[in-house]
Every structure is written in structure tokens, then in C-alpha cells.
Amino acid sequence: VRLPATGWGALAAAGAALALLATCVVTQGFGPDRPRPNSLLYVRDEVKGEALWFSADPAPDAWTRTVLGDDPERAPVADYFPPRGDEPAMVAPAPGLGIELPTVTVVADRTRGDVRTVRFRAESQRSAWRLQVRLPRKPLAACTVGGTRLDRAALAEQTGGADDVVLHHYGAGAFEVGCEVPAGTRLPVDVADYSLGLTPPVAELVGPRPRNTVPVAFGFLPEDSVIARTREEI
């Protein structure tokens, strides 16, 4: 388990990386020997009841235009990449493909006095490389992740630029989190999983990536991926 870099430093670094990418894409010459970085992501968002394409590139290119169109809408995508905040990305409706959603399973639940401790497992059903778990900060007294107990002060640092607590897990295995909340409190768990690259059903819709392009690769900034998001109240 890896907890993400947090706070203004991480947000500033992410913004600087994106600005650098945008500058390079717009101002530098590209060709077969110098591929242009670009990005395209597909999202199945069960929370919002929609599927969408999005890209953080400055403008559509010949490849992304096939699904984004010539003049796509701009909207925030912070639900999937908290460090972006309100910074808009290019978005367009996408066809529903029935991408499998991650699951949330309660593995332990007890109440002692005025504290409820609930432990849950978040798991990708498609062996995605990364899981993101978001929890509302207000009811949380503490969370235990990978054997480490995070109190309110520590949780305040685990935001990834969002108002919520944001936790990440890398690898195809399950991610277990234990949370302490006031007795009787239900806890909404927002979980999304991220594939590495476009999976075959999605890639077939957009066609092969042109040979003179390469995927953007900035870690917490949008890169080619299929994202599935759901929310469970436990």
C-alpha cells in the first residue's frame, strides 16, 4: 500500500507537470522521430450514471478527435484525478460498455461505546493496476491502512487536493481499510479502479494509437486508462 503525496506541494507539482506538458505539446515540433504525447481515458461512472471520454491534452488531435469531436466540452475531472481540482479537461459522452465495477465488502464491523469500527475490502474485478478510495472526512476519527493508524491530523494530509480523504492502492490485489466513526454512522465509500492503458473493448472504439504519438505518463495526471467508479454505503 502506498499513500499518495499530499497537500499543496503535491498539488503544485502536479500542476507544474501538466503546464510543462501543455507547453511542450503546443510549442515543440513532433514527428515520427519525436512522438507527440497525448492522452485518452474512458470512464464508467456508476455514481453519476454515465460513461464518458476525457483527455487533459490542450486540444484534440487526429486520434482523440475521433471520440472527442472537434470542439469538445470542457469540465473538471477531479472525481478521478483530485490533484486537478477545478481545472477542466476535454470531455465527451461515451457508449456504455459494461466495464466491471470495483467492489466494496465489509469484513468486520463492531461498535464499542460511542465508536463504530468498520473494516472493508475494496477490490478491482478486472485486475486494474490502481485503486482509489475516497471517504468523507467529517465522520472519520481514524483509519487504519496497511497496519498504520491515521488519526484526524494524518487523514487531513491524505486529500490529494480534494475535500475528502483520498487513499491509493497499487497492484491487482484487494485493498483493506479500517475506519473509526461515531456509533450508528453509515460510511459512504467511493472507489474507482484504473487500468494501465485502454483495454481491448475500449481501444476498439477509438482505433490504434498513431505511430507518431506516445501516452502521457505523469503518474497522478491523466494518462491512457479505463476507469470504473462506484459508491457503496456501509
Protein backbone atom coordinates (compact mmCIF):
# COMPACT_ATOMS: atom_id res chain seq x y z
CA VAL A 1 0.00 0.00 0.00
CA ARG A 2 1.26 3.43 -0.89
CA LEU A 3 -0.29 6.61 0.47
CA PRO A 4 -0.09 9.43 -2.07
CA ALA A 5 1.89 12.61 -1.78
CA THR A 6 -0.49 15.16 -0.35
CA GLY A 7 -1.04 18.81 0.38
CA TRP A 8 -0.19 21.93 -1.59
CA GLY A 9 3.26 20.65 -2.52
CA ALA A 10 1.85 17.66 -4.39
CA LEU A 11 -0.86 19.78 -5.99
CA ALA A 12 1.66 22.36 -7.16
CA ALA A 13 3.96 19.68 -8.54
CA ALA A 14 1.09 18.09 -10.46
CA GLY A 15 0.04 21.46 -11.86
CA ALA A 16 3.58 22.29 -12.90
CA ALA A 17 3.93 18.96 -14.67
CA LEU A 18 0.69 19.50 -16.55
CA ALA A 19 1.68 23.04 -17.53
CA LEU A 20 5.01 21.75 -18.80
CA LEU A 21 3.24 19.10 -20.84
CA ALA A 22 0.85 21.63 -22.36
CA THR A 23 3.70 23.96 -23.27
CA CYS A 24 5.67 21.17 -24.89
CA VAL A 25 2.68 19.90 -26.86
CA VAL A 26 1.83 23.34 -28.21
CA THR A 27 5.28 24.72 -28.92
CA GLN A 28 7.55 21.82 -29.81
CA GLY A 29 7.84 20.13 -33.19
CA PHE A 30 6.83 16.48 -33.31
CA GLY A 31 7.12 13.77 -35.91
CA PRO A 32 7.97 10.09 -36.42
CA ASP A 33 11.27 10.51 -34.59
CA ARG A 34 9.77 12.68 -31.86
CA PRO A 35 6.33 11.32 -30.93
CA ARG A 36 3.70 13.69 -29.56
CA PRO A 37 2.42 12.84 -26.05
CA ASN A 38 -1.35 12.64 -25.78
CA SER A 39 -3.95 11.01 -23.56
CA LEU A 40 -7.38 9.45 -23.77
CA LEU A 41 -9.40 7.97 -20.93
CA TYR A 42 -12.71 6.12 -20.77
CA VAL A 43 -14.83 6.30 -17.62
CA ARG A 44 -17.76 4.22 -16.46
CA ASP A 45 -19.12 6.29 -13.58
CA GLU A 46 -21.88 4.39 -11.79
CA VAL A 47 -22.17 7.20 -9.22
CA LYS A 48 -23.22 9.71 -11.90
CA GLY A 49 -24.86 7.12 -14.13
CA GLU A 50 -22.81 7.99 -17.20
CA ALA A 51 -19.93 6.95 -19.40
CA LEU A 52 -17.52 9.50 -20.82
CA TRP A 53 -14.30 10.10 -22.67
CA PHE A 54 -11.85 12.67 -21.44
CA SER A 55 -8.40 13.99 -22.17
CA ALA A 56 -6.20 16.51 -20.38
CA ASP A 57 -4.48 17.47 -23.64
CA PRO A 58 -4.64 21.14 -24.72
CA ALA A 59 -6.69 20.29 -27.84
CA PRO A 60 -7.92 17.25 -29.78
CA ASP A 61 -5.57 15.65 -32.27
CA ALA A 62 -6.29 13.32 -35.18
CA TRP A 63 -6.65 10.33 -32.83
CA THR A 64 -8.56 11.77 -29.87
CA ARG A 65 -10.83 13.76 -32.21
CA THR A 66 -12.48 10.51 -33.33
CA VAL A 67 -14.31 10.31 -29.98
CA LEU A 68 -13.96 13.82 -28.52
CA GLY A 69 -15.00 15.71 -31.65
CA ASP A 70 -13.52 18.95 -32.97
CA ASP A 71 -14.68 21.21 -30.14
CA PRO A 72 -15.33 19.12 -27.01
CA GLU A 73 -16.89 20.43 -23.83
CA ARG A 74 -14.51 21.35 -21.00
CA ALA A 75 -15.30 20.17 -17.48
CA PRO A 76 -13.47 19.25 -14.24
CA VAL A 77 -12.47 15.61 -13.76
CA ALA A 78 -11.36 15.86 -10.13
CA ASP A 79 -13.54 12.88 -9.16
CA TYR A 80 -10.96 10.72 -10.94
CA PHE A 81 -7.82 12.87 -10.55
CA PRO A 82 -8.13 15.01 -7.38
CA PRO A 83 -4.89 16.98 -7.97
CA ARG A 84 -6.53 18.68 -10.97
CA GLY A 85 -9.10 20.43 -8.79
CA ASP A 86 -11.39 22.58 -10.93
CA GLU A 87 -9.02 22.59 -13.90
CA PRO A 88 -11.09 21.48 -16.90
CA ALA A 89 -10.36 18.66 -19.30
CA MET A 90 -11.90 17.86 -22.66
CA VAL A 91 -14.91 15.58 -22.15
CA ALA A 92 -17.45 13.86 -24.40
CA PRO A 93 -20.20 11.26 -23.90
CA ALA A 94 -19.13 7.65 -24.43
CA PRO A 95 -21.11 4.48 -25.13
CA GLY A 96 -21.77 2.16 -22.21
CA LEU A 97 -19.62 -0.96 -22.34
CA GLY A 98 -20.50 -2.75 -19.11
CA ILE A 99 -17.00 -2.35 -17.67
CA GLU A 100 -16.88 -4.32 -14.40
CA LEU A 101 -17.11 -2.14 -11.32
CA PRO A 102 -14.84 -2.48 -8.29
CA THR A 103 -16.46 -3.97 -5.19
CA VAL A 104 -16.66 -2.91 -1.55
CA THR A 105 -17.08 -5.71 1.00
CA VAL A 106 -17.41 -5.30 4.77
CA VAL A 107 -15.09 -7.78 6.51
CA ALA A 108 -15.52 -6.64 10.14
CA ASP A 109 -17.94 -4.33 11.94
CA ARG A 110 -18.16 -3.68 15.67
CA THR A 111 -19.38 -0.95 17.97
CA ARG A 112 -17.91 -0.28 21.40
CA GLY A 113 -19.36 2.58 23.34
CA ASP A 114 -19.74 5.53 21.01
CA VAL A 115 -17.25 4.30 18.37
CA ARG A 116 -18.04 2.11 15.38
CA THR A 117 -15.05 0.40 13.75
CA VAL A 118 -15.75 -0.95 10.28
CA ARG A 119 -13.19 -2.69 8.10
CA PHE A 120 -13.83 -3.09 4.39
CA ARG A 121 -12.12 -4.50 1.34
CA ALA A 122 -12.05 -2.63 -1.97
CA GLU A 123 -11.16 -4.80 -4.94
CA SER A 124 -10.95 -4.48 -8.70
CA GLN A 125 -12.83 -7.15 -10.63
CA ARG A 126 -10.65 -6.68 -13.71
CA SER A 127 -7.13 -6.69 -12.24
CA ALA A 128 -6.75 -2.93 -12.61
CA TRP A 129 -3.35 -1.58 -11.59
CA ARG A 130 -4.61 1.10 -9.18
CA LEU A 131 -7.49 1.62 -6.77
CA GLN A 132 -8.61 4.97 -5.42
CA VAL A 133 -10.75 5.10 -2.27
CA ARG A 134 -12.40 8.36 -1.23
CA LEU A 135 -14.03 8.83 2.16
CA PRO A 136 -15.84 11.86 3.61
CA ARG A 137 -13.55 13.45 6.16
CA LYS A 138 -16.15 14.70 8.63
CA PRO A 139 -17.26 11.44 10.35
CA LEU A 140 -13.79 9.86 10.44
CA ALA A 141 -11.97 9.71 13.75
CA ALA A 142 -9.22 7.50 12.31
CA CYS A 143 -8.45 4.97 9.57
CA THR A 144 -6.05 2.04 9.55
CA VAL A 145 -4.29 1.33 6.26
CA GLY A 146 -1.59 -1.30 5.85
CA GLY A 147 -1.30 -1.64 9.62
CA THR A 148 -0.79 2.10 10.12
CA ARG A 149 -3.40 4.03 12.09
CA LEU A 150 -4.05 7.52 10.72
CA ASP A 151 -5.69 9.92 13.16
CA ARG A 152 -7.62 13.04 12.12
CA ALA A 153 -4.45 15.08 11.68
CA ALA A 154 -2.89 12.43 9.44
CA LEU A 155 -6.11 11.99 7.47
CA ALA A 156 -6.19 15.73 6.81
CA GLU A 157 -2.97 15.23 4.82
CA GLN A 158 -4.48 12.41 2.73
CA THR A 159 -6.58 14.58 0.44
CA GLY A 160 -4.71 14.60 -2.88
CA GLY A 161 -6.11 18.08 -3.43
CA ALA A 162 -9.71 17.04 -2.67
CA ASP A 163 -12.02 17.87 0.23
CA ASP A 164 -12.30 14.16 1.03
CA VAL A 165 -9.76 11.67 2.31
CA VAL A 166 -8.14 10.02 -0.73
CA LEU A 167 -6.24 6.73 -0.49
CA HIS A 168 -4.50 4.79 -3.25
CA HIS A 169 -3.50 1.15 -3.63
CA TYR A 170 -1.25 -0.24 -6.36
CA GLY A 171 -1.37 -3.79 -7.68
CA ALA A 172 -4.12 -6.23 -8.59
CA GLY A 173 -4.82 -7.36 -5.02
CA ALA A 174 -7.52 -6.17 -2.64
CA PHE A 175 -7.16 -3.03 -0.51
CA GLU A 176 -8.32 -3.21 3.12
CA VAL A 177 -9.14 -0.12 5.15
CA GLY A 178 -10.44 0.13 8.71
CA CYS A 179 -12.36 3.24 9.76
CA GLU A 180 -13.50 4.59 13.13
CA VAL A 181 -16.70 6.65 13.05
CA PRO A 182 -19.34 7.63 15.62
CA ALA A 183 -21.64 4.76 16.63
CA GLY A 184 -24.60 4.44 14.28
CA THR A 185 -22.88 6.32 11.44
CA ARG A 186 -23.06 4.92 7.92
CA LEU A 187 -19.95 5.47 5.80
CA PRO A 188 -20.09 6.17 2.04
CA VAL A 189 -17.12 4.57 0.28
CA ASP A 190 -16.30 5.93 -3.19
CA VAL A 191 -13.99 3.58 -5.07
CA ALA A 192 -12.55 3.72 -8.58
CA ASP A 193 -10.13 1.43 -10.35
CA TYR A 194 -7.74 2.35 -13.16
CA SER A 195 -6.41 0.14 -15.94
CA LEU A 196 -2.99 0.71 -17.40
CA GLY A 197 -3.79 1.79 -20.94
CA LEU A 198 -7.01 1.32 -22.89
CA THR A 199 -8.40 -2.21 -22.57
CA PRO A 200 -9.48 -4.01 -25.77
CA PRO A 201 -13.24 -3.21 -25.78
CA VAL A 202 -12.46 0.49 -25.37
CA ALA A 203 -9.48 0.54 -27.73
CA GLU A 204 -11.66 -0.92 -30.48
CA LEU A 205 -13.89 2.16 -30.35
CA VAL A 206 -11.08 4.63 -30.98
CA GLY A 207 -8.71 2.59 -33.12
CA PRO A 208 -4.95 2.14 -32.76
CA ARG A 209 -2.80 4.93 -31.40
CA PRO A 210 -0.95 6.70 -34.25
CA ARG A 211 2.71 5.77 -34.51
CA ASN A 212 3.79 9.38 -34.10
CA THR A 213 2.22 9.64 -30.62
CA VAL A 214 3.05 8.25 -27.18
CA PRO A 215 0.97 8.04 -24.00
CA VAL A 216 1.34 10.78 -21.42
CA ALA A 217 2.99 9.35 -18.29
CA PHE A 218 2.91 11.67 -15.29
CA GLY A 219 1.63 9.33 -12.56
CA PHE A 220 -1.16 11.29 -10.90
CA LEU A 221 -2.02 13.20 -14.08
CA PRO A 222 -4.41 11.68 -16.63
CA GLU A 223 -2.85 9.06 -18.90
CA ASP A 224 -4.46 6.41 -21.10
CA SER A 225 -6.75 4.41 -18.84
CA VAL A 226 -10.14 2.80 -18.38
CA ILE A 227 -11.72 3.91 -15.10
CA ALA A 228 -14.68 2.31 -13.32
CA ARG A 229 -16.21 4.14 -10.36
CA THR A 230 -18.87 3.16 -7.86
CA ARG A 231 -20.02 4.06 -4.35
CA GLU A 232 -21.28 1.90 -1.51
CA GLU A 233 -22.65 2.96 1.86
CA ILE A 234 -21.54 0.61 4.61
